[in-house]
N, C-alpha and C. Protein backbone atom coordinates (compact mmCIF):
# COMPACT_ATOMS: atom_id res chain seq x y z
N MET A 1 83.07 86.30 82.57
CA MET A 1 83.22 87.37 83.56
C MET A 1 84.37 86.95 84.52
N VAL A 2 85.19 87.94 84.81
CA VAL A 2 86.27 87.76 85.78
C VAL A 2 85.71 87.58 87.18
N ARG A 3 86.15 86.56 87.93
CA ARG A 3 85.75 86.34 89.24
C ARG A 3 86.93 86.42 90.22
N PHE A 4 86.62 86.93 91.40
CA PHE A 4 87.75 87.09 92.43
C PHE A 4 87.33 86.28 93.65
N GLU A 5 88.34 85.85 94.40
CA GLU A 5 88.19 85.14 95.64
C GLU A 5 88.67 85.93 96.81
N VAL A 6 87.97 85.78 97.97
CA VAL A 6 88.41 86.52 99.17
C VAL A 6 89.83 86.19 99.63
N THR A 7 90.29 84.97 99.23
CA THR A 7 91.62 84.49 99.62
C THR A 7 92.74 85.05 98.73
N GLU A 8 92.36 85.56 97.57
CA GLU A 8 93.37 86.19 96.70
C GLU A 8 93.98 87.41 97.30
N SER A 9 95.24 87.65 97.07
CA SER A 9 95.85 88.92 97.53
C SER A 9 95.31 90.07 96.69
N VAL A 10 95.28 91.25 97.29
CA VAL A 10 94.81 92.40 96.53
C VAL A 10 95.74 92.74 95.35
N GLY A 11 97.04 92.42 95.52
CA GLY A 11 97.96 92.66 94.45
C GLY A 11 97.71 91.70 93.26
N THR A 12 97.30 90.46 93.57
CA THR A 12 96.97 89.48 92.50
C THR A 12 95.69 89.93 91.80
N VAL A 13 94.75 90.51 92.48
CA VAL A 13 93.50 90.97 91.86
C VAL A 13 93.82 92.04 90.83
N VAL A 14 94.62 93.01 91.25
CA VAL A 14 94.96 94.09 90.32
C VAL A 14 95.85 93.60 89.24
N ALA A 15 96.77 92.70 89.52
CA ALA A 15 97.60 92.13 88.41
C ALA A 15 96.75 91.42 87.35
N LYS A 16 95.70 90.72 87.80
CA LYS A 16 94.79 90.04 86.94
C LYS A 16 93.88 90.94 86.13
N ALA A 17 93.42 92.03 86.81
CA ALA A 17 92.54 92.95 86.15
C ALA A 17 92.82 94.39 86.65
N PRO A 18 93.76 95.13 85.92
CA PRO A 18 94.18 96.40 86.39
C PRO A 18 93.09 97.43 86.74
N ALA A 19 91.95 97.35 86.02
CA ALA A 19 90.86 98.26 86.25
C ALA A 19 90.37 98.27 87.72
N THR A 20 90.59 97.13 88.44
CA THR A 20 90.15 97.00 89.79
C THR A 20 90.88 97.95 90.77
N SER A 21 92.02 98.50 90.33
CA SER A 21 92.75 99.43 91.16
C SER A 21 91.82 100.62 91.56
N ARG A 22 90.88 100.97 90.73
CA ARG A 22 90.03 102.12 91.03
C ARG A 22 89.12 101.83 92.26
N VAL A 23 88.71 100.64 92.38
CA VAL A 23 87.92 100.20 93.54
C VAL A 23 88.76 100.26 94.80
N PHE A 24 90.00 99.77 94.74
CA PHE A 24 90.85 99.82 95.92
C PHE A 24 91.25 101.24 96.30
N GLU A 25 91.46 102.14 95.28
CA GLU A 25 91.76 103.48 95.57
C GLU A 25 90.54 104.16 96.25
N ARG A 26 89.34 103.83 95.82
CA ARG A 26 88.17 104.45 96.37
C ARG A 26 88.00 104.07 97.85
N HIS A 27 88.38 102.87 98.15
CA HIS A 27 88.22 102.43 99.58
C HIS A 27 89.41 102.59 100.45
N GLY A 28 90.49 103.17 99.80
CA GLY A 28 91.73 103.33 100.63
C GLY A 28 92.43 102.04 100.93
N ILE A 29 92.30 100.96 100.09
CA ILE A 29 93.00 99.70 100.27
C ILE A 29 94.27 99.75 99.54
N ASP A 30 95.34 99.38 100.27
CA ASP A 30 96.70 99.48 99.66
C ASP A 30 96.95 98.23 98.87
N TYR A 31 97.03 98.35 97.55
CA TYR A 31 97.26 97.23 96.69
C TYR A 31 98.71 97.20 96.19
N CYS A 32 99.56 98.18 96.61
CA CYS A 32 100.93 98.21 96.14
C CYS A 32 101.84 97.69 97.18
N CYS A 33 102.21 98.48 98.18
CA CYS A 33 103.11 98.02 99.26
C CYS A 33 102.41 96.97 100.09
N GLY A 34 101.08 97.03 100.25
CA GLY A 34 100.35 96.03 100.99
C GLY A 34 99.64 95.03 100.12
N GLY A 35 100.18 94.82 98.94
CA GLY A 35 99.61 93.98 97.97
C GLY A 35 99.50 92.50 98.27
N MET A 36 100.25 91.98 99.27
CA MET A 36 100.25 90.63 99.64
C MET A 36 99.13 90.22 100.55
N VAL A 37 98.39 91.20 101.03
CA VAL A 37 97.29 90.91 102.02
C VAL A 37 96.11 90.39 101.23
N ALA A 38 95.49 89.34 101.83
CA ALA A 38 94.28 88.75 101.20
C ALA A 38 93.13 89.77 101.11
N LEU A 39 92.33 89.60 100.08
CA LEU A 39 91.26 90.57 99.83
C LEU A 39 90.28 90.59 101.06
N GLY A 40 89.97 89.41 101.63
CA GLY A 40 89.04 89.36 102.77
C GLY A 40 89.62 90.10 103.96
N LEU A 41 90.90 89.89 104.25
CA LEU A 41 91.52 90.58 105.35
C LEU A 41 91.68 92.08 105.09
N ALA A 42 91.96 92.48 103.87
CA ALA A 42 92.04 93.88 103.57
C ALA A 42 90.70 94.59 103.80
N CYS A 43 89.63 93.97 103.40
CA CYS A 43 88.33 94.52 103.58
C CYS A 43 87.97 94.61 105.07
N ALA A 44 88.30 93.54 105.85
CA ALA A 44 88.07 93.56 107.26
C ALA A 44 88.78 94.63 107.96
N GLY A 45 90.04 94.92 107.50
CA GLY A 45 90.83 95.95 108.13
C GLY A 45 90.23 97.34 107.91
N LYS A 46 89.46 97.49 106.90
CA LYS A 46 88.78 98.79 106.61
C LYS A 46 87.34 98.85 107.05
N GLY A 47 86.88 97.73 107.63
CA GLY A 47 85.49 97.65 108.06
C GLY A 47 84.55 97.55 106.92
N LEU A 48 84.97 96.94 105.82
CA LEU A 48 84.09 96.86 104.59
C LEU A 48 83.49 95.50 104.49
N ASP A 49 82.31 95.43 103.89
CA ASP A 49 81.61 94.18 103.57
C ASP A 49 82.31 93.59 102.34
N VAL A 50 82.97 92.46 102.54
CA VAL A 50 83.70 91.89 101.45
C VAL A 50 82.87 91.49 100.25
N ALA A 51 81.65 91.13 100.52
CA ALA A 51 80.69 90.74 99.39
C ALA A 51 80.38 91.96 98.49
N ARG A 52 80.29 93.13 99.18
CA ARG A 52 80.03 94.32 98.43
C ARG A 52 81.28 94.72 97.57
N VAL A 53 82.41 94.60 98.23
CA VAL A 53 83.65 94.94 97.49
C VAL A 53 83.84 94.04 96.27
N LEU A 54 83.56 92.72 96.47
CA LEU A 54 83.70 91.76 95.39
C LEU A 54 82.78 92.14 94.26
N ALA A 55 81.53 92.54 94.60
CA ALA A 55 80.58 92.99 93.51
C ALA A 55 81.11 94.22 92.80
N GLU A 56 81.71 95.15 93.57
CA GLU A 56 82.20 96.37 92.92
C GLU A 56 83.42 96.01 91.98
N LEU A 57 84.24 95.08 92.37
CA LEU A 57 85.35 94.72 91.59
C LEU A 57 84.87 94.07 90.28
N GLU A 58 83.89 93.18 90.39
CA GLU A 58 83.38 92.54 89.17
C GLU A 58 82.70 93.50 88.31
N ALA A 59 81.95 94.48 88.88
CA ALA A 59 81.29 95.46 88.06
C ALA A 59 82.26 96.40 87.40
N GLU A 60 83.36 96.72 88.02
CA GLU A 60 84.43 97.59 87.45
C GLU A 60 84.99 96.92 86.19
N VAL A 61 85.24 95.63 86.29
CA VAL A 61 85.78 94.87 85.15
C VAL A 61 84.80 94.79 84.06
N ALA A 62 83.55 94.61 84.38
CA ALA A 62 82.48 94.47 83.40
C ALA A 62 82.16 95.76 82.62
N THR A 63 82.43 96.90 83.24
CA THR A 63 82.02 98.19 82.62
C THR A 63 83.18 98.92 82.05
N ARG A 64 84.42 98.53 82.37
CA ARG A 64 85.61 99.25 81.82
C ARG A 64 86.53 98.29 81.12
N PRO A 65 87.39 98.73 80.29
CA PRO A 65 88.42 97.89 79.64
C PRO A 65 89.30 97.31 80.82
N ALA A 66 89.52 96.05 80.83
CA ALA A 66 90.27 95.39 81.90
C ALA A 66 91.68 95.90 82.04
N GLY A 67 92.27 96.36 80.87
CA GLY A 67 93.70 96.78 80.88
C GLY A 67 94.50 95.51 80.68
N ARG A 68 95.76 95.70 80.30
CA ARG A 68 96.63 94.60 79.99
C ARG A 68 97.00 93.77 81.18
N ASP A 69 96.93 92.49 81.07
CA ASP A 69 97.37 91.55 82.10
C ASP A 69 98.92 91.47 82.04
N TRP A 70 99.57 92.25 82.92
CA TRP A 70 101.01 92.28 82.81
C TRP A 70 101.70 91.01 83.38
N THR A 71 100.94 90.16 84.05
CA THR A 71 101.52 88.92 84.50
C THR A 71 101.85 87.97 83.33
N ALA A 72 101.25 88.25 82.12
CA ALA A 72 101.49 87.43 80.97
C ALA A 72 102.67 88.05 80.11
N ALA A 73 103.21 89.25 80.52
CA ALA A 73 104.29 89.86 79.80
C ALA A 73 105.59 89.38 80.17
N SER A 74 106.62 89.46 79.32
CA SER A 74 107.96 89.10 79.70
C SER A 74 108.49 90.15 80.64
N PRO A 75 109.52 89.85 81.45
CA PRO A 75 110.13 90.85 82.31
C PRO A 75 110.62 92.01 81.49
N GLY A 76 111.21 91.79 80.32
CA GLY A 76 111.68 92.94 79.53
C GLY A 76 110.59 93.84 79.08
N GLU A 77 109.42 93.29 78.65
CA GLU A 77 108.30 94.15 78.29
C GLU A 77 107.78 94.94 79.50
N LEU A 78 107.70 94.30 80.61
CA LEU A 78 107.21 94.99 81.83
C LEU A 78 108.16 96.15 82.20
N ILE A 79 109.48 95.83 82.18
CA ILE A 79 110.45 96.89 82.49
C ILE A 79 110.28 98.08 81.52
N ASP A 80 110.15 97.77 80.27
CA ASP A 80 110.01 98.80 79.26
C ASP A 80 108.76 99.68 79.59
N HIS A 81 107.65 99.03 79.96
CA HIS A 81 106.44 99.78 80.28
C HIS A 81 106.60 100.64 81.52
N ILE A 82 107.26 100.06 82.59
CA ILE A 82 107.46 100.87 83.77
C ILE A 82 108.30 102.05 83.53
N LEU A 83 109.36 101.86 82.74
CA LEU A 83 110.31 102.99 82.46
C LEU A 83 109.55 104.11 81.64
N ALA A 84 108.83 103.65 80.56
CA ALA A 84 108.20 104.65 79.70
C ALA A 84 106.98 105.36 80.36
N THR A 85 106.26 104.56 81.15
CA THR A 85 104.98 105.14 81.68
C THR A 85 105.22 105.77 83.10
N HIS A 86 105.83 105.03 84.02
CA HIS A 86 105.91 105.49 85.35
C HIS A 86 107.17 106.31 85.72
N HIS A 87 108.34 105.74 85.28
CA HIS A 87 109.54 106.51 85.61
C HIS A 87 109.53 107.89 84.90
N GLU A 88 109.07 107.92 83.65
CA GLU A 88 109.09 109.16 82.94
C GLU A 88 108.01 110.17 83.61
N PHE A 89 106.92 109.60 84.08
CA PHE A 89 105.92 110.41 84.80
C PHE A 89 106.54 111.04 86.09
N VAL A 90 107.26 110.23 86.81
CA VAL A 90 107.90 110.70 88.06
C VAL A 90 108.91 111.80 87.76
N LYS A 91 109.74 111.54 86.78
CA LYS A 91 110.84 112.53 86.42
C LYS A 91 110.19 113.83 85.91
N ARG A 92 109.10 113.74 85.26
CA ARG A 92 108.40 114.96 84.75
C ARG A 92 107.70 115.77 85.86
N GLU A 93 107.07 115.00 86.86
CA GLU A 93 106.32 115.65 87.81
C GLU A 93 107.11 116.16 89.04
N LEU A 94 108.19 115.54 89.35
CA LEU A 94 108.95 115.95 90.54
C LEU A 94 109.38 117.43 90.50
N PRO A 95 109.99 117.90 89.46
CA PRO A 95 110.39 119.31 89.43
C PRO A 95 109.17 120.26 89.46
N ARG A 96 108.13 119.90 88.81
CA ARG A 96 106.91 120.73 88.83
C ARG A 96 106.29 120.81 90.19
N LEU A 97 106.20 119.67 90.85
CA LEU A 97 105.58 119.67 92.27
C LEU A 97 106.52 120.27 93.28
N ASP A 98 107.86 120.13 93.06
CA ASP A 98 108.85 120.83 93.91
C ASP A 98 108.53 122.33 93.91
N THR A 99 108.45 122.84 92.64
CA THR A 99 108.28 124.28 92.50
C THR A 99 106.98 124.79 93.14
N LEU A 100 105.89 124.04 92.89
CA LEU A 100 104.60 124.36 93.49
C LEU A 100 104.60 124.36 95.02
N MET A 101 105.26 123.22 95.58
CA MET A 101 105.31 123.12 97.04
C MET A 101 106.09 124.26 97.66
N THR A 102 107.22 124.60 97.03
CA THR A 102 108.02 125.75 97.54
C THR A 102 107.18 127.07 97.58
N LYS A 103 106.52 127.28 96.50
CA LYS A 103 105.67 128.49 96.38
C LYS A 103 104.58 128.52 97.34
N VAL A 104 103.83 127.48 97.47
CA VAL A 104 102.68 127.44 98.34
C VAL A 104 103.08 127.52 99.80
N HIS A 105 104.13 126.86 100.11
CA HIS A 105 104.64 126.84 101.48
C HIS A 105 105.13 128.25 101.88
N ARG A 106 105.87 128.93 100.97
CA ARG A 106 106.40 130.21 101.22
C ARG A 106 105.24 131.27 101.42
N VAL A 107 104.23 131.17 100.59
CA VAL A 107 103.21 132.17 100.55
C VAL A 107 102.14 131.91 101.64
N HIS A 108 101.81 130.65 101.93
CA HIS A 108 100.69 130.35 102.80
C HIS A 108 101.13 129.59 104.02
N GLY A 109 102.36 129.22 104.15
CA GLY A 109 102.77 128.42 105.33
C GLY A 109 102.51 129.01 106.72
N ASP A 110 102.78 130.31 106.85
CA ASP A 110 102.59 130.95 108.19
C ASP A 110 101.11 130.99 108.57
N ALA A 111 100.24 131.07 107.60
CA ALA A 111 98.80 131.11 107.86
C ALA A 111 98.24 129.74 108.11
N HIS A 112 98.94 128.69 107.71
CA HIS A 112 98.45 127.28 107.82
C HIS A 112 99.56 126.44 108.43
N PRO A 113 99.96 126.78 109.71
CA PRO A 113 101.10 126.02 110.32
C PRO A 113 100.70 124.59 110.66
N GLU A 114 99.42 124.29 110.71
CA GLU A 114 98.95 122.96 111.03
C GLU A 114 99.10 121.97 109.91
N THR A 115 99.37 122.52 108.69
CA THR A 115 99.38 121.58 107.54
C THR A 115 100.59 121.75 106.69
N LEU A 116 100.80 122.96 106.17
CA LEU A 116 101.80 123.22 105.09
C LEU A 116 103.27 122.91 105.48
N PRO A 117 103.75 123.34 106.68
CA PRO A 117 105.17 123.02 106.94
C PRO A 117 105.43 121.49 106.93
N GLU A 118 104.56 120.73 107.52
CA GLU A 118 104.77 119.24 107.52
C GLU A 118 104.61 118.67 106.13
N MET A 119 103.63 119.22 105.33
CA MET A 119 103.51 118.76 103.98
C MET A 119 104.77 118.99 103.20
N ALA A 120 105.34 120.18 103.39
CA ALA A 120 106.60 120.53 102.69
C ALA A 120 107.76 119.65 103.08
N ARG A 121 107.78 119.36 104.43
CA ARG A 121 108.87 118.43 104.88
C ARG A 121 108.74 117.04 104.33
N LEU A 122 107.52 116.56 104.33
CA LEU A 122 107.32 115.17 103.82
C LEU A 122 107.56 115.07 102.32
N TRP A 123 107.10 116.10 101.58
CA TRP A 123 107.36 116.13 100.16
C TRP A 123 108.83 116.18 99.86
N GLY A 124 109.60 116.99 100.68
CA GLY A 124 111.06 117.03 100.44
C GLY A 124 111.66 115.69 100.60
N GLN A 125 111.16 114.86 101.52
CA GLN A 125 111.69 113.50 101.73
C GLN A 125 111.34 112.60 100.48
N VAL A 126 110.04 112.69 100.09
CA VAL A 126 109.59 111.87 98.91
C VAL A 126 110.43 112.24 97.72
N SER A 127 110.50 113.48 97.39
CA SER A 127 111.18 113.90 96.20
C SER A 127 112.70 113.59 96.27
N GLY A 128 113.26 113.76 97.39
CA GLY A 128 114.72 113.51 97.55
C GLY A 128 114.99 112.02 97.48
N GLU A 129 114.10 111.16 97.94
CA GLU A 129 114.37 109.71 97.93
C GLU A 129 114.04 109.07 96.58
N LEU A 130 113.06 109.59 95.88
CA LEU A 130 112.70 108.97 94.61
C LEU A 130 113.73 109.06 93.48
N ARG A 131 114.45 110.17 93.51
CA ARG A 131 115.39 110.37 92.42
C ARG A 131 116.51 109.28 92.49
N PRO A 132 117.17 109.08 93.63
CA PRO A 132 118.16 107.94 93.63
C PRO A 132 117.50 106.56 93.49
N HIS A 133 116.28 106.47 93.95
CA HIS A 133 115.60 105.17 93.86
C HIS A 133 115.41 104.75 92.34
N LEU A 134 114.94 105.72 91.58
CA LEU A 134 114.78 105.43 90.16
C LEU A 134 116.17 105.11 89.50
N MET A 135 117.16 105.82 89.88
CA MET A 135 118.52 105.57 89.31
C MET A 135 118.97 104.17 89.63
N LYS A 136 118.77 103.71 90.86
CA LYS A 136 119.23 102.35 91.28
C LYS A 136 118.41 101.30 90.46
N GLU A 137 117.12 101.57 90.23
CA GLU A 137 116.44 100.60 89.40
C GLU A 137 116.89 100.65 88.00
N GLU A 138 117.11 101.76 87.45
CA GLU A 138 117.45 101.85 86.04
C GLU A 138 118.91 101.38 85.77
N GLN A 139 119.81 101.54 86.73
CA GLN A 139 121.28 101.23 86.51
C GLN A 139 121.62 99.91 87.08
N ILE A 140 120.88 99.40 88.04
CA ILE A 140 121.29 98.15 88.71
C ILE A 140 120.25 97.03 88.57
N LEU A 141 119.09 97.22 89.18
CA LEU A 141 118.08 96.12 89.25
C LEU A 141 117.46 95.76 87.95
N PHE A 142 117.03 96.70 87.17
CA PHE A 142 116.32 96.39 85.93
C PHE A 142 117.26 95.72 84.89
N PRO A 143 118.51 96.25 84.77
CA PRO A 143 119.40 95.55 83.86
C PRO A 143 119.74 94.12 84.27
N ALA A 144 119.80 93.91 85.57
CA ALA A 144 120.08 92.54 86.14
C ALA A 144 118.93 91.61 85.77
N ILE A 145 117.71 92.11 86.00
CA ILE A 145 116.54 91.29 85.76
C ILE A 145 116.40 91.00 84.26
N ARG A 146 116.65 91.97 83.46
CA ARG A 146 116.57 91.82 81.98
C ARG A 146 117.66 90.77 81.53
N ALA A 147 118.84 90.90 82.07
CA ALA A 147 119.90 89.94 81.67
C ALA A 147 119.55 88.55 82.09
N LEU A 148 118.99 88.40 83.25
CA LEU A 148 118.64 87.00 83.73
C LEU A 148 117.56 86.44 82.78
N ALA A 149 116.59 87.30 82.49
CA ALA A 149 115.50 86.76 81.65
C ALA A 149 115.92 86.40 80.29
N GLU A 150 117.02 87.04 79.79
CA GLU A 150 117.56 86.80 78.47
C GLU A 150 118.69 85.68 78.50
N GLY A 151 118.87 85.08 79.64
CA GLY A 151 119.84 84.04 79.77
C GLY A 151 121.27 84.44 79.80
N ARG A 152 121.58 85.64 80.26
CA ARG A 152 122.92 86.13 80.39
C ARG A 152 123.08 86.75 81.72
N PRO A 153 123.11 85.93 82.81
CA PRO A 153 123.19 86.42 84.16
C PRO A 153 124.50 87.08 84.60
N GLY A 154 125.51 86.97 83.77
CA GLY A 154 126.81 87.63 84.14
C GLY A 154 127.50 86.87 85.23
N GLY A 155 128.39 87.54 85.94
CA GLY A 155 129.21 86.91 86.94
C GLY A 155 128.57 86.63 88.29
N MET A 156 127.46 87.25 88.55
CA MET A 156 126.82 87.18 89.91
C MET A 156 125.87 85.98 89.96
N PRO A 157 125.79 85.27 91.06
CA PRO A 157 124.80 84.20 91.17
C PRO A 157 123.41 84.76 91.17
N PRO A 158 122.40 84.12 90.55
CA PRO A 158 121.11 84.69 90.46
C PRO A 158 120.48 85.12 91.78
N ALA A 159 120.82 84.34 92.90
CA ALA A 159 120.23 84.74 94.19
C ALA A 159 120.66 86.12 94.68
N TRP A 160 121.67 86.64 94.02
CA TRP A 160 122.15 88.00 94.38
C TRP A 160 121.01 89.06 94.27
N LEU A 161 120.07 88.74 93.36
CA LEU A 161 118.93 89.68 93.07
C LEU A 161 118.13 89.99 94.30
N GLU A 162 118.03 89.08 95.23
CA GLU A 162 117.22 89.27 96.44
C GLU A 162 117.61 90.54 97.18
N GLY A 163 118.97 90.83 97.15
CA GLY A 163 119.46 92.06 97.91
C GLY A 163 118.85 93.29 97.34
N PRO A 164 119.10 93.61 96.06
CA PRO A 164 118.53 94.86 95.58
C PRO A 164 117.01 94.87 95.52
N ILE A 165 116.35 93.73 95.27
CA ILE A 165 114.88 93.73 95.30
C ILE A 165 114.40 94.12 96.67
N GLY A 166 115.01 93.47 97.73
CA GLY A 166 114.59 93.84 99.10
C GLY A 166 114.76 95.29 99.43
N VAL A 167 115.90 95.91 98.92
CA VAL A 167 116.13 97.32 99.21
C VAL A 167 115.02 98.17 98.54
N MET A 168 114.74 97.88 97.26
CA MET A 168 113.67 98.63 96.53
C MET A 168 112.34 98.47 97.17
N GLU A 169 111.98 97.30 97.69
CA GLU A 169 110.69 97.11 98.33
C GLU A 169 110.61 97.88 99.68
N GLN A 170 111.73 97.95 100.36
CA GLN A 170 111.78 98.73 101.63
C GLN A 170 111.58 100.16 101.32
N GLU A 171 112.24 100.69 100.28
CA GLU A 171 112.09 102.07 99.92
C GLU A 171 110.64 102.34 99.37
N HIS A 172 110.07 101.40 98.74
CA HIS A 172 108.60 101.52 98.39
C HIS A 172 107.74 101.78 99.63
N GLU A 173 107.98 100.91 100.65
CA GLU A 173 107.25 101.06 101.88
C GLU A 173 107.35 102.46 102.45
N GLU A 174 108.61 102.96 102.49
CA GLU A 174 108.86 104.24 103.12
C GLU A 174 108.14 105.38 102.38
N VAL A 175 108.30 105.40 101.09
CA VAL A 175 107.63 106.54 100.34
C VAL A 175 106.14 106.37 100.35
N GLY A 176 105.64 105.14 100.36
CA GLY A 176 104.18 104.97 100.46
C GLY A 176 103.65 105.47 101.76
N ALA A 177 104.37 105.28 102.82
CA ALA A 177 103.94 105.76 104.16
C ALA A 177 103.96 107.26 104.18
N GLN A 178 105.00 107.86 103.56
CA GLN A 178 105.03 109.31 103.59
C GLN A 178 103.92 109.97 102.80
N LEU A 179 103.59 109.36 101.65
CA LEU A 179 102.47 109.85 100.84
C LEU A 179 101.13 109.64 101.49
N ALA A 180 100.97 108.51 102.20
CA ALA A 180 99.74 108.27 102.91
C ALA A 180 99.54 109.36 104.05
N ARG A 181 100.64 109.67 104.73
CA ARG A 181 100.57 110.79 105.73
C ARG A 181 100.20 112.03 105.09
N MET A 182 100.74 112.37 103.89
CA MET A 182 100.41 113.61 103.27
C MET A 182 98.95 113.71 102.85
N ARG A 183 98.41 112.55 102.43
CA ARG A 183 96.96 112.46 102.09
C ARG A 183 96.09 112.74 103.34
N GLU A 184 96.51 112.20 104.47
CA GLU A 184 95.85 112.39 105.67
C GLU A 184 95.86 113.83 106.11
N LEU A 185 97.00 114.46 106.12
CA LEU A 185 97.17 115.85 106.47
C LEU A 185 96.37 116.79 105.62
N SER A 186 96.31 116.45 104.36
CA SER A 186 95.55 117.37 103.42
C SER A 186 94.06 117.09 103.33
N GLY A 187 93.60 116.12 104.15
CA GLY A 187 92.18 115.80 104.10
C GLY A 187 91.78 115.21 102.78
N GLY A 188 92.63 114.34 102.22
CA GLY A 188 92.30 113.76 100.94
C GLY A 188 92.49 114.73 99.73
N TYR A 189 93.36 115.67 99.90
CA TYR A 189 93.64 116.68 98.87
C TYR A 189 92.45 117.51 98.47
N VAL A 190 91.65 117.89 99.53
CA VAL A 190 90.58 118.86 99.33
C VAL A 190 91.14 120.25 99.65
N ALA A 191 91.22 121.10 98.66
CA ALA A 191 91.79 122.38 98.92
C ALA A 191 90.90 123.24 99.81
N PRO A 192 91.44 124.01 100.70
CA PRO A 192 90.59 124.86 101.56
C PRO A 192 89.90 125.97 100.78
N GLU A 193 88.81 126.46 101.30
CA GLU A 193 88.05 127.45 100.64
C GLU A 193 88.93 128.72 100.43
N GLY A 194 88.88 129.26 99.26
CA GLY A 194 89.70 130.45 98.94
C GLY A 194 91.13 130.09 98.56
N ALA A 195 91.54 128.85 98.42
CA ALA A 195 92.87 128.49 98.05
C ALA A 195 93.18 129.04 96.66
N CYS A 196 94.44 129.50 96.50
CA CYS A 196 94.81 130.11 95.22
C CYS A 196 94.98 128.97 94.16
N GLY A 197 95.23 129.38 92.94
CA GLY A 197 95.38 128.47 91.87
C GLY A 197 96.57 127.51 92.00
N SER A 198 97.65 128.07 92.54
CA SER A 198 98.85 127.23 92.75
C SER A 198 98.57 126.20 93.75
N TRP A 199 97.90 126.50 94.85
CA TRP A 199 97.60 125.52 95.84
C TRP A 199 96.75 124.43 95.30
N ARG A 200 95.66 124.86 94.57
CA ARG A 200 94.83 123.84 93.98
C ARG A 200 95.54 122.96 92.94
N ALA A 201 96.46 123.55 92.19
CA ALA A 201 97.29 122.76 91.29
C ALA A 201 98.21 121.79 92.02
N LEU A 202 98.74 122.27 93.11
CA LEU A 202 99.61 121.39 93.94
C LEU A 202 98.87 120.19 94.47
N TRP A 203 97.69 120.46 95.05
CA TRP A 203 96.89 119.37 95.69
C TRP A 203 96.47 118.38 94.59
N SER A 204 95.99 118.85 93.43
CA SER A 204 95.63 117.99 92.34
C SER A 204 96.77 117.14 91.84
N GLY A 205 97.99 117.77 91.71
CA GLY A 205 99.12 117.09 91.27
C GLY A 205 99.64 116.02 92.21
N LEU A 206 99.55 116.31 93.51
CA LEU A 206 99.97 115.34 94.49
C LEU A 206 99.02 114.14 94.54
N ASP A 207 97.71 114.42 94.41
CA ASP A 207 96.74 113.35 94.25
C ASP A 207 97.03 112.44 93.09
N GLU A 208 97.24 113.02 91.95
CA GLU A 208 97.55 112.23 90.78
C GLU A 208 98.86 111.48 90.92
N PHE A 209 99.88 112.12 91.47
CA PHE A 209 101.22 111.55 91.74
C PHE A 209 101.08 110.30 92.60
N GLU A 210 100.38 110.39 93.67
CA GLU A 210 100.24 109.25 94.53
C GLU A 210 99.52 108.06 93.92
N GLN A 211 98.49 108.35 93.17
CA GLN A 211 97.74 107.27 92.44
C GLN A 211 98.60 106.63 91.43
N ASP A 212 99.36 107.39 90.67
CA ASP A 212 100.32 106.75 89.68
C ASP A 212 101.35 105.96 90.37
N LEU A 213 101.86 106.43 91.53
CA LEU A 213 102.88 105.66 92.24
C LEU A 213 102.31 104.34 92.75
N HIS A 214 101.04 104.35 93.17
CA HIS A 214 100.40 103.11 93.55
C HIS A 214 100.48 102.08 92.47
N ARG A 215 100.15 102.49 91.25
CA ARG A 215 100.14 101.57 90.08
C ARG A 215 101.61 101.17 89.77
N HIS A 216 102.49 102.05 89.89
CA HIS A 216 103.90 101.88 89.65
C HIS A 216 104.47 100.84 90.61
N ILE A 217 104.29 101.05 91.87
CA ILE A 217 104.78 100.12 92.94
C ILE A 217 104.15 98.80 92.77
N HIS A 218 102.81 98.75 92.54
CA HIS A 218 102.13 97.49 92.35
C HIS A 218 102.82 96.64 91.26
N LEU A 219 103.10 97.24 90.10
CA LEU A 219 103.68 96.46 89.02
C LEU A 219 105.07 95.87 89.43
N GLU A 220 105.79 96.65 90.23
CA GLU A 220 107.14 96.20 90.66
C GLU A 220 106.94 95.09 91.71
N ASN A 221 106.24 95.49 92.79
CA ASN A 221 106.14 94.50 93.95
C ASN A 221 105.42 93.24 93.61
N SER A 222 104.32 93.39 92.89
CA SER A 222 103.41 92.22 92.72
C SER A 222 103.54 91.48 91.42
N VAL A 223 104.28 92.07 90.49
CA VAL A 223 104.43 91.39 89.17
C VAL A 223 105.86 91.21 88.82
N LEU A 224 106.71 92.28 88.71
CA LEU A 224 108.09 92.19 88.25
C LEU A 224 108.94 91.44 89.26
N HIS A 225 108.90 91.86 90.52
CA HIS A 225 109.78 91.16 91.51
C HIS A 225 109.47 89.67 91.70
N PRO A 226 108.21 89.29 91.77
CA PRO A 226 107.93 87.82 91.83
C PRO A 226 108.51 87.11 90.57
N ALA A 227 108.30 87.69 89.40
CA ALA A 227 108.87 87.06 88.19
C ALA A 227 110.36 86.94 88.26
N ALA A 228 111.04 87.98 88.72
CA ALA A 228 112.51 87.94 88.87
C ALA A 228 112.93 86.88 89.88
N ARG A 229 112.20 86.80 91.02
CA ARG A 229 112.51 85.76 91.98
C ARG A 229 112.38 84.34 91.43
N ARG A 230 111.31 84.14 90.68
CA ARG A 230 111.15 82.85 90.03
C ARG A 230 112.29 82.53 89.11
N LEU A 231 112.74 83.51 88.31
CA LEU A 231 113.86 83.30 87.38
C LEU A 231 115.16 82.97 88.13
N ALA A 232 115.30 83.62 89.31
CA ALA A 232 116.54 83.39 90.08
C ALA A 232 116.49 82.21 91.00
N GLY A 233 115.32 81.59 91.08
CA GLY A 233 115.14 80.41 91.99
C GLY A 233 115.19 80.84 93.39
N ILE A 234 114.65 81.99 93.76
CA ILE A 234 114.64 82.45 95.21
C ILE A 234 113.22 82.77 95.69
């Protein structure tokens, strides 16, 4: 049976057993951008009994497939997975959610000024920032990490990687905060009574999008970036 310690970071817990992400999602514990926080401190910050959370984590692993331990994968394998699973999901969902947000805001925004205008503004920021973010990863950071892992670092010193890694992690923090605010504004994506089909589809899509982005950012911040830093000696 997999055991966890209160001193382990939440990012390490999820890296070791990806199924545990469900427990953290349930309790609103940030395991992606806030993945370096120790499990005990994360529970204390949410007013949770750490012994109970530990039991939930162990039960989750015992009753579900643990999922692949990506800490044992090569950087190239992990990059391939992130591209095929998470980048493709973001690219597919952004235009769909853009269209839904525009429609729902146009039709219902005046009747719900307390929620929809700010939701539309925040989503515009998220959507607008993620497109160039993915491009920078695909064209600059990921090729550099792959090259270093394959022993062909090129003309740049390995420590150069800290610059683009730091930029990506800062952008992760920003988009994570924007999505957290959207979840708060929407009341956890519970559609109001009488909401139309488009509104319900939008709320469901945003909920799924945020959860996928949590897993996406976790793999980069807590697994890929530390591996790259080790390779670069930084």
